[in-house]
Amino acid sequence: MNIQGTKMYMLQQRLKYIKFKLKNWNKEESGDIIKAKIETEQKLQEVNQINTSEGFNEERQKLINTLQGEWKDHFVQEETFWT
């Protein structure tokens, strides 16, 4: 990174670059937490609807339990993100 200008300008440009890199790193490492939570909610709702319309199924119940666990994990991650 070769920046020319005043010391303040160079600092500003370096901070912008670091911000850009950190945002990309955050997306790659944790993904989009809110999007993942919403997708899990949708899957959970679909499976619950199938379970309601077709009756109880032990395999679907296991899937519901797994999805609920994933949703709780996403919720905790989102809560941590906002604090």
PDB file of N, CA and C in Angstrom:
ATOM      1  N   MET A   1       0.849  -1.174   0.000  1.00  0.00           N
ATOM      2  CA  MET A   1       0.000   0.000   0.000  1.00  0.00           C
ATOM      3  C   MET A   1       0.895   1.237   0.000  1.00  0.00           C
ATOM      4  N   ASN A   2       0.879   1.962  -1.085  1.00  0.00           N
ATOM      5  CA  ASN A   2       1.722   3.141  -1.224  1.00  0.00           C
ATOM      6  C   ASN A   2       0.817   4.366  -1.301  1.00  0.00           C
ATOM      7  N   ILE A   3       0.795   5.123  -0.201  1.00  0.00           N
ATOM      8  CA  ILE A   3      -0.074   6.295  -0.100  1.00  0.00           C
ATOM      9  C   ILE A   3       0.800   7.528   0.027  1.00  0.00           C
ATOM     10  N   GLN A   4       0.422   8.567  -0.696  1.00  0.00           N
ATOM     11  CA  GLN A   4       1.153   9.820  -0.581  1.00  0.00           C
ATOM     12  C   GLN A   4       0.181  10.913  -0.158  1.00  0.00           C
ATOM     13  N   GLY A   5       0.697  11.849   0.567  1.00  0.00           N
ATOM     14  CA  GLY A   5      -0.105  12.964   1.037  1.00  0.00           C
ATOM     15  C   GLY A   5       0.338  13.353   2.431  1.00  0.00           C
ATOM     16  N   THR A   6      -0.486  14.132   3.100  1.00  0.00           N
ATOM     17  CA  THR A   6      -0.150  14.545   4.459  1.00  0.00           C
ATOM     18  C   THR A   6      -0.227  13.337   5.385  1.00  0.00           C
ATOM     19  N   LYS A   7       0.374  13.459   6.536  1.00  0.00           N
ATOM     20  CA  LYS A   7       0.365  12.370   7.527  1.00  0.00           C
ATOM     21  C   LYS A   7      -1.075  12.003   7.899  1.00  0.00           C
ATOM     22  N   MET A   8      -1.936  12.989   8.076  1.00  0.00           N
ATOM     23  CA  MET A   8      -3.322  12.730   8.448  1.00  0.00           C
ATOM     24  C   MET A   8      -4.058  11.992   7.324  1.00  0.00           C
ATOM     25  N   TYR A   9      -3.811  12.393   6.079  1.00  0.00           N
ATOM     26  CA  TYR A   9      -4.435  11.738   4.934  1.00  0.00           C
ATOM     27  C   TYR A   9      -3.975  10.284   4.837  1.00  0.00           C
ATOM     28  N   MET A  10      -2.671  10.066   5.025  1.00  0.00           N
ATOM     29  CA  MET A  10      -2.139   8.705   4.961  1.00  0.00           C
ATOM     30  C   MET A  10      -2.753   7.839   6.061  1.00  0.00           C
ATOM     31  N   LEU A  11      -2.905   8.385   7.257  1.00  0.00           N
ATOM     32  CA  LEU A  11      -3.530   7.652   8.354  1.00  0.00           C
ATOM     33  C   LEU A  11      -4.977   7.325   8.013  1.00  0.00           C
ATOM     34  N   GLN A  12      -5.694   8.291   7.477  1.00  0.00           N
ATOM     35  CA  GLN A  12      -7.094   8.094   7.101  1.00  0.00           C
ATOM     36  C   GLN A  12      -7.226   6.976   6.064  1.00  0.00           C
ATOM     37  N   GLN A  13      -6.381   6.966   5.061  1.00  0.00           N
ATOM     38  CA  GLN A  13      -6.432   5.949   4.019  1.00  0.00           C
ATOM     39  C   GLN A  13      -6.083   4.562   4.566  1.00  0.00           C
ATOM     40  N   ARG A  14      -5.122   4.503   5.466  1.00  0.00           N
ATOM     41  CA  ARG A  14      -4.765   3.213   6.080  1.00  0.00           C
ATOM     42  C   ARG A  14      -5.906   2.681   6.933  1.00  0.00           C
ATOM     43  N   LEU A  15      -6.567   3.570   7.663  1.00  0.00           N
ATOM     44  CA  LEU A  15      -7.706   3.142   8.476  1.00  0.00           C
ATOM     45  C   LEU A  15      -8.860   2.649   7.604  1.00  0.00           C
ATOM     46  N   LYS A  16      -9.103   3.316   6.479  1.00  0.00           N
ATOM     47  CA  LYS A  16     -10.135   2.857   5.537  1.00  0.00           C
ATOM     48  C   LYS A  16      -9.804   1.451   5.023  1.00  0.00           C
ATOM     49  N   TYR A  17      -8.534   1.240   4.706  1.00  0.00           N
ATOM     50  CA  TYR A  17      -8.094  -0.052   4.197  1.00  0.00           C
ATOM     51  C   TYR A  17      -8.275  -1.141   5.258  1.00  0.00           C
ATOM     52  N   ILE A  18      -7.905  -0.836   6.492  1.00  0.00           N
ATOM     53  CA  ILE A  18      -8.066  -1.793   7.595  1.00  0.00           C
ATOM     54  C   ILE A  18      -9.541  -2.100   7.816  1.00  0.00           C
ATOM     55  N   LYS A  19     -10.372  -1.079   7.755  1.00  0.00           N
ATOM     56  CA  LYS A  19     -11.823  -1.273   7.922  1.00  0.00           C
ATOM     57  C   LYS A  19     -12.358  -2.214   6.849  1.00  0.00           C
ATOM     58  N   PHE A  20     -11.956  -1.997   5.614  1.00  0.00           N
ATOM     59  CA  PHE A  20     -12.379  -2.844   4.502  1.00  0.00           C
ATOM     60  C   PHE A  20     -11.953  -4.295   4.727  1.00  0.00           C
ATOM     61  N   LYS A  21     -10.711  -4.500   5.123  1.00  0.00           N
ATOM     62  CA  LYS A  21     -10.189  -5.842   5.359  1.00  0.00           C
ATOM     63  C   LYS A  21     -10.906  -6.524   6.528  1.00  0.00           C
ATOM     64  N   LEU A  22     -11.177  -5.774   7.595  1.00  0.00           N
ATOM     65  CA  LEU A  22     -11.862  -6.340   8.754  1.00  0.00           C
ATOM     66  C   LEU A  22     -13.297  -6.734   8.425  1.00  0.00           C
ATOM     67  N   LYS A  23     -13.979  -5.935   7.620  1.00  0.00           N
ATOM     68  CA  LYS A  23     -15.346  -6.279   7.213  1.00  0.00           C
ATOM     69  C   LYS A  23     -15.357  -7.575   6.416  1.00  0.00           C
ATOM     70  N   ASN A  24     -14.431  -7.694   5.476  1.00  0.00           N
ATOM     71  CA  ASN A  24     -14.348  -8.926   4.693  1.00  0.00           C
ATOM     72  C   ASN A  24     -14.021 -10.124   5.570  1.00  0.00           C
ATOM     73  N   TRP A  25     -13.082  -9.962   6.474  1.00  0.00           N
ATOM     74  CA  TRP A  25     -12.707 -11.044   7.383  1.00  0.00           C
ATOM     75  C   TRP A  25     -13.908 -11.457   8.230  1.00  0.00           C
ATOM     76  N   ASN A  26     -14.645 -10.494   8.736  1.00  0.00           N
ATOM     77  CA  ASN A  26     -15.806 -10.784   9.570  1.00  0.00           C
ATOM     78  C   ASN A  26     -16.849 -11.590   8.793  1.00  0.00           C
ATOM     79  N   LYS A  27     -17.114 -11.215   7.552  1.00  0.00           N
ATOM     80  CA  LYS A  27     -18.090 -11.936   6.737  1.00  0.00           C
ATOM     81  C   LYS A  27     -17.631 -13.351   6.440  1.00  0.00           C
ATOM     82  N   GLU A  28     -16.346 -13.516   6.183  1.00  0.00           N
ATOM     83  CA  GLU A  28     -15.816 -14.842   5.874  1.00  0.00           C
ATOM     84  C   GLU A  28     -15.814 -15.742   7.102  1.00  0.00           C
ATOM     85  N   GLU A  29     -15.485 -15.196   8.251  1.00  0.00           N
ATOM     86  CA  GLU A  29     -15.380 -16.003   9.463  1.00  0.00           C
ATOM     87  C   GLU A  29     -16.734 -16.310  10.089  1.00  0.00           C
ATOM     88  N   SER A  30     -17.574 -15.318  10.207  1.00  0.00           N
ATOM     89  CA  SER A  30     -18.845 -15.535  10.899  1.00  0.00           C
ATOM     90  C   SER A  30     -20.032 -15.527   9.958  1.00  0.00           C
ATOM     91  N   GLY A  31     -19.826 -15.126   8.730  1.00  0.00           N
ATOM     92  CA  GLY A  31     -20.936 -15.069   7.783  1.00  0.00           C
ATOM     93  C   GLY A  31     -21.925 -14.001   8.185  1.00  0.00           C
ATOM     94  N   ASP A  32     -23.046 -14.044   7.574  1.00  0.00           N
ATOM     95  CA  ASP A  32     -24.098 -13.092   7.888  1.00  0.00           C
ATOM     96  C   ASP A  32     -25.011 -13.732   8.931  1.00  0.00           C
ATOM     97  N   ILE A  33     -24.801 -13.380  10.177  1.00  0.00           N
ATOM     98  CA  ILE A  33     -25.501 -13.991  11.302  1.00  0.00           C
ATOM     99  C   ILE A  33     -27.010 -13.806  11.185  1.00  0.00           C
ATOM    100  N   ILE A  34     -27.439 -12.627  10.876  1.00  0.00           N
ATOM    101  CA  ILE A  34     -28.878 -12.341  10.820  1.00  0.00           C
ATOM    102  C   ILE A  34     -29.530 -13.133   9.689  1.00  0.00           C
ATOM    103  N   LYS A  35     -28.868 -13.198   8.543  1.00  0.00           N
ATOM    104  CA  LYS A  35     -29.399 -13.962   7.418  1.00  0.00           C
ATOM    105  C   LYS A  35     -29.492 -15.444   7.778  1.00  0.00           C
ATOM    106  N   ALA A  36     -28.467 -15.976   8.425  1.00  0.00           N
ATOM    107  CA  ALA A  36     -28.475 -17.385   8.818  1.00  0.00           C
ATOM    108  C   ALA A  36     -29.604 -17.663   9.813  1.00  0.00           C
ATOM    109  N   LYS A  37     -29.838 -16.731  10.723  1.00  0.00           N
ATOM    110  CA  LYS A  37     -30.920 -16.900  11.700  1.00  0.00           C
ATOM    111  C   LYS A  37     -32.274 -16.922  10.998  1.00  0.00           C
ATOM    112  N   ILE A  38     -32.471 -16.029  10.054  1.00  0.00           N
ATOM    113  CA  ILE A  38     -33.741 -15.968   9.320  1.00  0.00           C
ATOM    114  C   ILE A  38     -33.953 -17.249   8.504  1.00  0.00           C
ATOM    115  N   GLU A  39     -32.895 -17.733   7.849  1.00  0.00           N
ATOM    116  CA  GLU A  39     -33.005 -18.965   7.071  1.00  0.00           C
ATOM    117  C   GLU A  39     -33.364 -20.148   7.979  1.00  0.00           C
ATOM    118  N   THR A  40     -32.758 -20.202   9.150  1.00  0.00           N
ATOM    119  CA  THR A  40     -33.067 -21.272  10.103  1.00  0.00           C
ATOM    120  C   THR A  40     -34.511 -21.166  10.568  1.00  0.00           C
ATOM    121  N   GLU A  41     -34.980 -19.938  10.817  1.00  0.00           N
ATOM    122  CA  GLU A  41     -36.381 -19.743  11.216  1.00  0.00           C
ATOM    123  C   GLU A  41     -37.329 -20.252  10.135  1.00  0.00           C
ATOM    124  N   GLN A  42     -37.006 -19.962   8.878  1.00  0.00           N
ATOM    125  CA  GLN A  42     -37.856 -20.403   7.774  1.00  0.00           C
ATOM    126  C   GLN A  42     -37.891 -21.928   7.671  1.00  0.00           C
ATOM    127  N   LYS A  43     -36.733 -22.573   7.790  1.00  0.00           N
ATOM    128  CA  LYS A  43     -36.678 -24.033   7.754  1.00  0.00           C
ATOM    129  C   LYS A  43     -37.490 -24.630   8.901  1.00  0.00           C
ATOM    130  N   LEU A  44     -37.335 -24.025  10.076  1.00  0.00           N
ATOM    131  CA  LEU A  44     -38.052 -24.500  11.256  1.00  0.00           C
ATOM    132  C   LEU A  44     -39.556 -24.376  11.061  1.00  0.00           C
ATOM    133  N   GLN A  45     -39.977 -23.281  10.496  1.00  0.00           N
ATOM    134  CA  GLN A  45     -41.405 -23.063  10.236  1.00  0.00           C
ATOM    135  C   GLN A  45     -41.934 -24.086   9.223  1.00  0.00           C
ATOM    136  N   GLU A  46     -41.168 -24.348   8.169  1.00  0.00           N
ATOM    137  CA  GLU A  46     -41.579 -25.330   7.166  1.00  0.00           C
ATOM    138  C   GLU A  46     -41.733 -26.723   7.776  1.00  0.00           C
ATOM    139  N   VAL A  47     -40.754 -27.134   8.561  1.00  0.00           N
ATOM    140  CA  VAL A  47     -40.806 -28.465   9.172  1.00  0.00           C
ATOM    141  C   VAL A  47     -41.957 -28.548  10.165  1.00  0.00           C
ATOM    142  N   ASN A  48     -42.191 -27.488  10.911  1.00  0.00           N
ATOM    143  CA  ASN A  48     -43.319 -27.477  11.845  1.00  0.00           C
ATOM    144  C   ASN A  48     -44.650 -27.600  11.105  1.00  0.00           C
ATOM    145  N   GLN A  49     -44.771 -26.923   9.972  1.00  0.00           N
ATOM    146  CA  GLN A  49     -46.003 -27.004   9.187  1.00  0.00           C
ATOM    147  C   GLN A  49     -46.219 -28.422   8.656  1.00  0.00           C
ATOM    148  N   ILE A  50     -45.143 -29.046   8.179  1.00  0.00           N
ATOM    149  CA  ILE A  50     -45.252 -30.429   7.705  1.00  0.00           C
ATOM    150  C   ILE A  50     -45.641 -31.343   8.855  1.00  0.00           C
ATOM    151  N   ASN A  51     -45.021 -31.142   9.997  1.00  0.00           N
ATOM    152  CA  ASN A  51     -45.327 -31.962  11.176  1.00  0.00           C
ATOM    153  C   ASN A  51     -46.791 -31.783  11.583  1.00  0.00           C
ATOM    154  N   THR A  52     -47.325 -30.585  11.458  1.00  0.00           N
ATOM    155  CA  THR A  52     -48.710 -30.311  11.811  1.00  0.00           C
ATOM    156  C   THR A  52     -49.670 -30.947  10.812  1.00  0.00           C
ATOM    157  N   SER A  53     -49.361 -30.810   9.529  1.00  0.00           N
ATOM    158  CA  SER A  53     -50.286 -31.315   8.502  1.00  0.00           C
ATOM    159  C   SER A  53     -50.225 -32.834   8.342  1.00  0.00           C
ATOM    160  N   GLU A  54     -49.035 -33.416   8.484  1.00  0.00           N
ATOM    161  CA  GLU A  54     -48.885 -34.851   8.255  1.00  0.00           C
ATOM    162  C   GLU A  54     -48.847 -35.666   9.546  1.00  0.00           C
ATOM    163  N   GLY A  55     -48.854 -35.001  10.659  1.00  0.00           N
ATOM    164  CA  GLY A  55     -48.786 -35.708  11.929  1.00  0.00           C
ATOM    165  C   GLY A  55     -47.351 -35.830  12.434  1.00  0.00           C
ATOM    166  N   PHE A  56     -47.240 -36.238  13.664  1.00  0.00           N
ATOM    167  CA  PHE A  56     -45.940 -36.337  14.329  1.00  0.00           C
ATOM    168  C   PHE A  56     -45.068 -37.386  13.647  1.00  0.00           C
ATOM    169  N   ASN A  57     -43.801 -37.033  13.515  1.00  0.00           N
ATOM    170  CA  ASN A  57     -42.812 -37.941  12.952  1.00  0.00           C
ATOM    171  C   ASN A  57     -41.538 -37.765  13.768  1.00  0.00           C
ATOM    172  N   GLU A  58     -40.991 -38.865  14.262  1.00  0.00           N
ATOM    173  CA  GLU A  58     -39.826 -38.780  15.147  1.00  0.00           C
ATOM    174  C   GLU A  58     -38.614 -38.169  14.444  1.00  0.00           C
ATOM    175  N   GLU A  59     -38.404 -38.486  13.173  1.00  0.00           N
ATOM    176  CA  GLU A  59     -37.269 -37.916  12.434  1.00  0.00           C
ATOM    177  C   GLU A  59     -37.428 -36.409  12.268  1.00  0.00           C
ATOM    178  N   ARG A  60     -38.657 -35.985  11.946  1.00  0.00           N
ATOM    179  CA  ARG A  60     -38.894 -34.542  11.826  1.00  0.00           C
ATOM    180  C   ARG A  60     -38.715 -33.855  13.168  1.00  0.00           C
ATOM    181  N   GLN A  61     -39.104 -34.521  14.235  1.00  0.00           N
ATOM    182  CA  GLN A  61     -38.934 -33.927  15.566  1.00  0.00           C
ATOM    183  C   GLN A  61     -37.456 -33.740  15.881  1.00  0.00           C
ATOM    184  N   LYS A  62     -36.622 -34.701  15.491  1.00  0.00           N
ATOM    185  CA  LYS A  62     -35.174 -34.561  15.678  1.00  0.00           C
ATOM    186  C   LYS A  62     -34.648 -33.373  14.874  1.00  0.00           C
ATOM    187  N   LEU A  63     -35.163 -33.228  13.647  1.00  0.00           N
ATOM    188  CA  LEU A  63     -34.766 -32.090  12.816  1.00  0.00           C
ATOM    189  C   LEU A  63     -35.206 -30.782  13.457  1.00  0.00           C
ATOM    190  N   ILE A  64     -36.412 -30.762  14.000  1.00  0.00           N
ATOM    191  CA  ILE A  64     -36.898 -29.557  14.699  1.00  0.00           C
ATOM    192  C   ILE A  64     -35.983 -29.217  15.864  1.00  0.00           C
ATOM    193  N   ASN A  65     -35.597 -30.208  16.638  1.00  0.00           N
ATOM    194  CA  ASN A  65     -34.702 -29.976  17.779  1.00  0.00           C
ATOM    195  C   ASN A  65     -33.347 -29.436  17.320  1.00  0.00           C
ATOM    196  N   THR A  66     -32.840 -29.995  16.225  1.00  0.00           N
ATOM    197  CA  THR A  66     -31.562 -29.524  15.677  1.00  0.00           C
ATOM    198  C   THR A  66     -31.678 -28.076  15.207  1.00  0.00           C
ATOM    199  N   LEU A  67     -32.748 -27.772  14.475  1.00  0.00           N
ATOM    200  CA  LEU A  67     -32.951 -26.408  13.984  1.00  0.00           C
ATOM    201  C   LEU A  67     -33.144 -25.420  15.129  1.00  0.00           C
ATOM    202  N   GLN A  68     -33.831 -25.843  16.183  1.00  0.00           N
ATOM    203  CA  GLN A  68     -34.002 -24.964  17.343  1.00  0.00           C
ATOM    204  C   GLN A  68     -32.653 -24.670  17.994  1.00  0.00           C
ATOM    205  N   GLY A  69     -31.788 -25.680  18.050  1.00  0.00           N
ATOM    206  CA  GLY A  69     -30.442 -25.465  18.588  1.00  0.00           C
ATOM    207  C   GLY A  69     -29.642 -24.500  17.738  1.00  0.00           C
ATOM    208  N   GLU A  70     -29.739 -24.668  16.413  1.00  0.00           N
ATOM    209  CA  GLU A  70     -29.046 -23.746  15.503  1.00  0.00           C
ATOM    210  C   GLU A  70     -29.576 -22.323  15.676  1.00  0.00           C
ATOM    211  N   TRP A  71     -30.905 -22.205  15.796  1.00  0.00           N
ATOM    212  CA  TRP A  71     -31.505 -20.887  15.950  1.00  0.00           C
ATOM    213  C   TRP A  71     -31.011 -20.222  17.234  1.00  0.00           C
ATOM    214  N   LYS A  72     -30.945 -20.992  18.313  1.00  0.00           N
ATOM    215  CA  LYS A  72     -30.445 -20.432  19.583  1.00  0.00           C
ATOM    216  C   LYS A  72     -28.999 -19.969  19.435  1.00  0.00           C
ATOM    217  N   ASP A  73     -28.184 -20.758  18.733  1.00  0.00           N
ATOM    218  CA  ASP A  73     -26.791 -20.363  18.504  1.00  0.00           C
ATOM    219  C   ASP A  73     -26.710 -19.052  17.716  1.00  0.00           C
ATOM    220  N   HIS A  74     -27.514 -18.952  16.659  1.00  0.00           N
ATOM    221  CA  HIS A  74     -27.539 -17.718  15.872  1.00  0.00           C
ATOM    222  C   HIS A  74     -28.023 -16.539  16.720  1.00  0.00           C
ATOM    223  N   PHE A  75     -29.011 -16.787  17.567  1.00  0.00           N
ATOM    224  CA  PHE A  75     -29.537 -15.728  18.429  1.00  0.00           C
ATOM    225  C   PHE A  75     -28.452 -15.212  19.363  1.00  0.00           C
ATOM    226  N   VAL A  76     -27.703 -16.122  19.965  1.00  0.00           N
ATOM    227  CA  VAL A  76     -26.623 -15.721  20.877  1.00  0.00           C
ATOM    228  C   VAL A  76     -25.548 -14.950  20.121  1.00  0.00           C
ATOM    229  N   GLN A  77     -25.203 -15.420  18.905  1.00  0.00           N
ATOM    230  CA  GLN A  77     -24.211 -14.708  18.100  1.00  0.00           C
ATOM    231  C   GLN A  77     -24.687 -13.299  17.751  1.00  0.00           C
ATOM    232  N   GLU A  78     -25.959 -13.195  17.388  1.00  0.00           N
ATOM    233  CA  GLU A  78     -26.514 -11.875  17.048  1.00  0.00           C
ATOM    234  C   GLU A  78     -26.524 -10.967  18.270  1.00  0.00           C
ATOM    235  N   GLU A  79     -26.908 -11.517  19.397  1.00  0.00           N
ATOM    236  CA  GLU A  79     -26.946 -10.728  20.633  1.00  0.00           C
ATOM    237  C   GLU A  79     -25.544 -10.237  20.986  1.00  0.00           C
ATOM    238  N   THR A  80     -24.559 -11.111  20.843  1.00  0.00           N
ATOM    239  CA  THR A  80     -23.177 -10.732  21.119  1.00  0.00           C
ATOM    240  C   THR A  80     -22.697  -9.666  20.140  1.00  0.00           C
ATOM    241  N   PHE A  81     -23.102  -9.793  18.880  1.00  0.00           N
ATOM    242  CA  PHE A  81     -22.724  -8.820  17.859  1.00  0.00           C
ATOM    243  C   PHE A  81     -23.204  -7.421  18.220  1.00  0.00           C
ATOM    244  N   TRP A  82     -24.442  -7.316  18.735  1.00  0.00           N
ATOM    245  CA  TRP A  82     -25.024  -6.006  19.012  1.00  0.00           C
ATOM    246  C   TRP A  82     -24.580  -5.423  20.348  1.00  0.00           C
ATOM    247  N   THR A  83     -23.929  -6.218  21.191  1.00  0.00           N
ATOM    248  CA  THR A  83     -23.490  -5.657  22.485  1.00  0.00           C
ATOM    249  C   THR A  83     -22.053  -5.247  22.460  1.00  0.00           C
TER     250      THR A  83
END
